[in-house]
Amino acid sequence: MKGGRKRMRWIPAARSGQWWMFAGVSSLLVSLLLWLIRFVALGQPFTGAHAFRFMMLAVILSFLFSFTGWLGARRLWLFSNIGLFIGLILMALYSRDVTGWEDLISFLVFLQAVAAGFVAGLIVEGVTLLMRLAKKE
């Protein structure tokens, strides 16, 4: 287990205040990326309502993922964020050559990638917990 902690040393410890700094920075970064995809890549006109909704999505996801890290599920946080950023990349790729449905499809692909990252993190956390419990016996 000590080797696992060394590899993930850059991730804050459970109950650390750094998690909230991570959440804030992630919220800002994800908001900016969502806005770039929506208003630049998709070429949609800027509207405050849509910008606010994307910002709220970024804040909710970032703080939810950081909360799981704060609780001690560091692998869940890591895999969730990997899924989030893969989702952003896929969203940008699917939004090219817009013919009408790509904006909706790109958003659905983004949500699927986020969900896949979260589920993968849950699985990894579960396996890690089972391995830890098996070592105690």
C-alpha atoms as a PDB file:
ATOM      1  CA  MET A   1       0.000   0.000   0.000  1.00  0.00           C
ATOM      2  CA  LYS A   2       2.902   2.332   0.638  1.00  0.00           C
ATOM      3  CA  GLY A   3       3.867   2.163  -3.050  1.00  0.00           C
ATOM      4  CA  GLY A   4       0.348   3.252  -4.009  1.00  0.00           C
ATOM      5  CA  ARG A   5       0.589   6.268  -1.750  1.00  0.00           C
ATOM      6  CA  LYS A   6       3.910   7.289  -3.286  1.00  0.00           C
ATOM      7  CA  ARG A   7       2.486   7.201  -6.788  1.00  0.00           C
ATOM      8  CA  MET A   8      -0.444   9.377  -5.810  1.00  0.00           C
ATOM      9  CA  ARG A   9       1.474  11.794  -3.560  1.00  0.00           C
ATOM     10  CA  TRP A  10       0.440  14.799  -5.687  1.00  0.00           C
ATOM     11  CA  ILE A  11      -3.208  14.144  -4.796  1.00  0.00           C
ATOM     12  CA  PRO A  12      -4.135  15.712  -1.425  1.00  0.00           C
ATOM     13  CA  ALA A  13      -4.900  13.574   1.591  1.00  0.00           C
ATOM     14  CA  ALA A  14      -8.452  12.945   2.734  1.00  0.00           C
ATOM     15  CA  ARG A  15     -10.076  15.860   4.573  1.00  0.00           C
ATOM     16  CA  SER A  16      -7.437  18.287   3.275  1.00  0.00           C
ATOM     17  CA  GLY A  17      -8.463  21.846   2.464  1.00  0.00           C
ATOM     18  CA  GLN A  18      -6.577  21.547  -0.828  1.00  0.00           C
ATOM     19  CA  TRP A  19      -9.544  19.652  -2.260  1.00  0.00           C
ATOM     20  CA  TRP A  20     -11.557  22.860  -2.354  1.00  0.00           C
ATOM     21  CA  MET A  21      -8.743  24.655  -4.168  1.00  0.00           C
ATOM     22  CA  PHE A  22      -8.738  21.770  -6.684  1.00  0.00           C
ATOM     23  CA  ALA A  23     -12.521  22.157  -7.049  1.00  0.00           C
ATOM     24  CA  GLY A  24     -12.264  25.899  -7.670  1.00  0.00           C
ATOM     25  CA  VAL A  25      -9.492  25.606 -10.250  1.00  0.00           C
ATOM     26  CA  SER A  26     -11.268  22.705 -11.941  1.00  0.00           C
ATOM     27  CA  SER A  27     -14.546  24.667 -12.032  1.00  0.00           C
ATOM     28  CA  LEU A  28     -12.844  27.582 -13.728  1.00  0.00           C
ATOM     29  CA  LEU A  29     -10.942  25.426 -16.214  1.00  0.00           C
ATOM     30  CA  VAL A  30     -13.922  23.237 -17.144  1.00  0.00           C
ATOM     31  CA  SER A  31     -16.163  26.313 -17.497  1.00  0.00           C
ATOM     32  CA  LEU A  32     -13.702  27.939 -19.870  1.00  0.00           C
ATOM     33  CA  LEU A  33     -13.354  24.763 -21.924  1.00  0.00           C
ATOM     34  CA  LEU A  34     -17.121  24.273 -22.143  1.00  0.00           C
ATOM     35  CA  TRP A  35     -17.533  27.897 -23.253  1.00  0.00           C
ATOM     36  CA  LEU A  36     -14.800  27.516 -25.857  1.00  0.00           C
ATOM     37  CA  ILE A  37     -16.450  24.413 -27.266  1.00  0.00           C
ATOM     38  CA  ARG A  38     -19.946  25.909 -27.246  1.00  0.00           C
ATOM     39  CA  PHE A  39     -19.256  29.448 -28.385  1.00  0.00           C
ATOM     40  CA  VAL A  40     -16.090  29.007 -30.475  1.00  0.00           C
ATOM     41  CA  ALA A  41     -16.003  25.449 -31.823  1.00  0.00           C
ATOM     42  CA  LEU A  42     -19.758  25.241 -32.353  1.00  0.00           C
ATOM     43  CA  GLY A  43     -19.981  28.893 -33.342  1.00  0.00           C
ATOM     44  CA  GLN A  44     -23.100  29.428 -31.252  1.00  0.00           C
ATOM     45  CA  PRO A  45     -23.915  33.035 -30.323  1.00  0.00           C
ATOM     46  CA  PHE A  46     -22.896  33.896 -26.768  1.00  0.00           C
ATOM     47  CA  THR A  47     -25.811  33.962 -24.372  1.00  0.00           C
ATOM     48  CA  GLY A  48     -25.512  34.586 -20.675  1.00  0.00           C
ATOM     49  CA  ALA A  49     -28.069  31.902 -19.856  1.00  0.00           C
ATOM     50  CA  HIS A  50     -26.142  29.171 -21.664  1.00  0.00           C
ATOM     51  CA  ALA A  51     -22.807  30.371 -20.287  1.00  0.00           C
ATOM     52  CA  PHE A  52     -24.255  30.294 -16.765  1.00  0.00           C
ATOM     53  CA  ARG A  53     -25.669  26.791 -17.245  1.00  0.00           C
ATOM     54  CA  PHE A  54     -22.345  25.464 -18.481  1.00  0.00           C
ATOM     55  CA  MET A  55     -20.587  27.167 -15.569  1.00  0.00           C
ATOM     56  CA  MET A  56     -23.020  25.575 -13.104  1.00  0.00           C
ATOM     57  CA  LEU A  57     -22.435  22.161 -14.697  1.00  0.00           C
ATOM     58  CA  ALA A  58     -18.680  22.654 -14.306  1.00  0.00           C
ATOM     59  CA  VAL A  59     -19.020  23.796 -10.686  1.00  0.00           C
ATOM     60  CA  ILE A  60     -21.327  20.918  -9.723  1.00  0.00           C
ATOM     61  CA  LEU A  61     -19.110  18.261 -11.332  1.00  0.00           C
ATOM     62  CA  SER A  62     -15.881  19.755  -9.974  1.00  0.00           C
ATOM     63  CA  PHE A  63     -17.159  20.091  -6.423  1.00  0.00           C
ATOM     64  CA  LEU A  64     -18.811  16.650  -6.498  1.00  0.00           C
ATOM     65  CA  PHE A  65     -15.589  15.004  -7.654  1.00  0.00           C
ATOM     66  CA  SER A  66     -13.491  16.973  -5.155  1.00  0.00           C
ATOM     67  CA  PHE A  67     -15.911  16.033  -2.379  1.00  0.00           C
ATOM     68  CA  THR A  68     -15.299  12.354  -3.142  1.00  0.00           C
ATOM     69  CA  GLY A  69     -11.567  13.027  -2.896  1.00  0.00           C
ATOM     70  CA  TRP A  70     -12.069  14.917   0.349  1.00  0.00           C
ATOM     71  CA  LEU A  71     -13.883  11.855   1.695  1.00  0.00           C
ATOM     72  CA  GLY A  72     -10.827   9.751   0.817  1.00  0.00           C
ATOM     73  CA  ALA A  73     -11.853   8.276  -2.552  1.00  0.00           C
ATOM     74  CA  ARG A  74      -8.804   9.655  -4.349  1.00  0.00           C
ATOM     75  CA  ARG A  75      -8.967   7.134  -7.193  1.00  0.00           C
ATOM     76  CA  LEU A  76     -12.621   7.981  -7.762  1.00  0.00           C
ATOM     77  CA  TRP A  77     -11.647  11.658  -8.022  1.00  0.00           C
ATOM     78  CA  LEU A  78      -8.831  10.829 -10.438  1.00  0.00           C
ATOM     79  CA  PHE A  79     -10.882   8.604 -12.749  1.00  0.00           C
ATOM     80  CA  SER A  80     -13.835  11.012 -12.667  1.00  0.00           C
ATOM     81  CA  ASN A  81     -11.605  13.866 -13.775  1.00  0.00           C
ATOM     82  CA  ILE A  82     -10.012  11.721 -16.474  1.00  0.00           C
ATOM     83  CA  GLY A  83     -13.527  10.945 -17.748  1.00  0.00           C
ATOM     84  CA  LEU A  84     -14.404  14.637 -17.573  1.00  0.00           C
ATOM     85  CA  PHE A  85     -11.445  15.719 -19.682  1.00  0.00           C
ATOM     86  CA  ILE A  86     -11.877  12.854 -22.158  1.00  0.00           C
ATOM     87  CA  GLY A  87     -15.500  13.974 -22.415  1.00  0.00           C
ATOM     88  CA  LEU A  88     -14.402  17.532 -23.168  1.00  0.00           C
ATOM     89  CA  ILE A  89     -12.057  16.300 -25.895  1.00  0.00           C
ATOM     90  CA  LEU A  90     -14.779  14.116 -27.415  1.00  0.00           C
ATOM     91  CA  MET A  91     -17.261  16.963 -27.187  1.00  0.00           C
ATOM     92  CA  ALA A  92     -14.897  19.210 -29.115  1.00  0.00           C
ATOM     93  CA  LEU A  93     -14.281  16.517 -31.736  1.00  0.00           C
ATOM     94  CA  TYR A  94     -17.984  15.745 -32.212  1.00  0.00           C
ATOM     95  CA  SER A  95     -18.836  19.427 -32.543  1.00  0.00           C
ATOM     96  CA  ARG A  96     -16.871  19.866 -35.782  1.00  0.00           C
ATOM     97  CA  ASP A  97     -18.754  20.234 -39.070  1.00  0.00           C
ATOM     98  CA  VAL A  98     -22.022  21.070 -37.348  1.00  0.00           C
ATOM     99  CA  THR A  99     -25.095  20.092 -39.364  1.00  0.00           C
ATOM    100  CA  GLY A 100     -27.712  20.328 -36.649  1.00  0.00           C
ATOM    101  CA  TRP A 101     -27.463  17.385 -34.275  1.00  0.00           C
ATOM    102  CA  GLU A 102     -23.752  17.499 -33.472  1.00  0.00           C
ATOM    103  CA  ASP A 103     -24.192  19.974 -30.629  1.00  0.00           C
ATOM    104  CA  LEU A 104     -26.624  17.663 -28.839  1.00  0.00           C
ATOM    105  CA  ILE A 105     -24.653  14.528 -29.682  1.00  0.00           C
ATOM    106  CA  SER A 106     -21.399  16.116 -28.512  1.00  0.00           C
ATOM    107  CA  PHE A 107     -22.997  17.018 -25.174  1.00  0.00           C
ATOM    108  CA  LEU A 108     -24.385  13.490 -24.732  1.00  0.00           C
ATOM    109  CA  VAL A 109     -20.959  12.003 -25.526  1.00  0.00           C
ATOM    110  CA  PHE A 110     -19.472  14.365 -22.926  1.00  0.00           C
ATOM    111  CA  LEU A 111     -21.958  13.160 -20.296  1.00  0.00           C
ATOM    112  CA  GLN A 112     -21.306   9.508 -21.180  1.00  0.00           C
ATOM    113  CA  ALA A 113     -17.551   9.969 -20.786  1.00  0.00           C
ATOM    114  CA  VAL A 114     -18.047  11.679 -17.418  1.00  0.00           C
ATOM    115  CA  ALA A 115     -20.306   8.838 -16.269  1.00  0.00           C
ATOM    116  CA  ALA A 116     -17.847   6.216 -17.550  1.00  0.00           C
ATOM    117  CA  GLY A 117     -14.994   7.870 -15.643  1.00  0.00           C
ATOM    118  CA  PHE A 118     -17.088   7.972 -12.481  1.00  0.00           C
ATOM    119  CA  VAL A 119     -18.092   4.307 -12.799  1.00  0.00           C
ATOM    120  CA  ALA A 120     -14.487   3.290 -13.519  1.00  0.00           C
ATOM    121  CA  GLY A 121     -13.430   5.184 -10.390  1.00  0.00           C
ATOM    122  CA  LEU A 122     -16.091   3.413  -8.341  1.00  0.00           C
ATOM    123  CA  ILE A 123     -14.870   0.046  -9.618  1.00  0.00           C
ATOM    124  CA  VAL A 124     -11.227   0.857  -8.861  1.00  0.00           C
ATOM    125  CA  GLU A 125     -12.134   2.115  -5.374  1.00  0.00           C
ATOM    126  CA  GLY A 126     -14.163  -1.057  -4.776  1.00  0.00           C
ATOM    127  CA  VAL A 127     -11.347  -3.336  -5.912  1.00  0.00           C
ATOM    128  CA  THR A 128      -8.867  -1.401  -3.774  1.00  0.00           C
ATOM    129  CA  LEU A 129     -11.147  -1.719  -0.765  1.00  0.00           C
ATOM    130  CA  LEU A 130     -11.570  -5.463  -1.340  1.00  0.00           C
ATOM    131  CA  MET A 131      -7.795  -5.918  -1.646  1.00  0.00           C
ATOM    132  CA  ARG A 132      -7.250  -3.957   1.561  1.00  0.00           C
ATOM    133  CA  LEU A 133      -9.847  -6.057   3.393  1.00  0.00           C
ATOM    134  CA  ALA A 134      -8.323  -9.301   2.043  1.00  0.00           C
ATOM    135  CA  LYS A 135      -4.877  -8.282   3.353  1.00  0.00           C
ATOM    136  CA  LYS A 136      -6.284  -7.757   6.855  1.00  0.00           C
ATOM    137  CA  GLU A 137      -7.509 -11.341   7.028  1.00  0.00           C
END
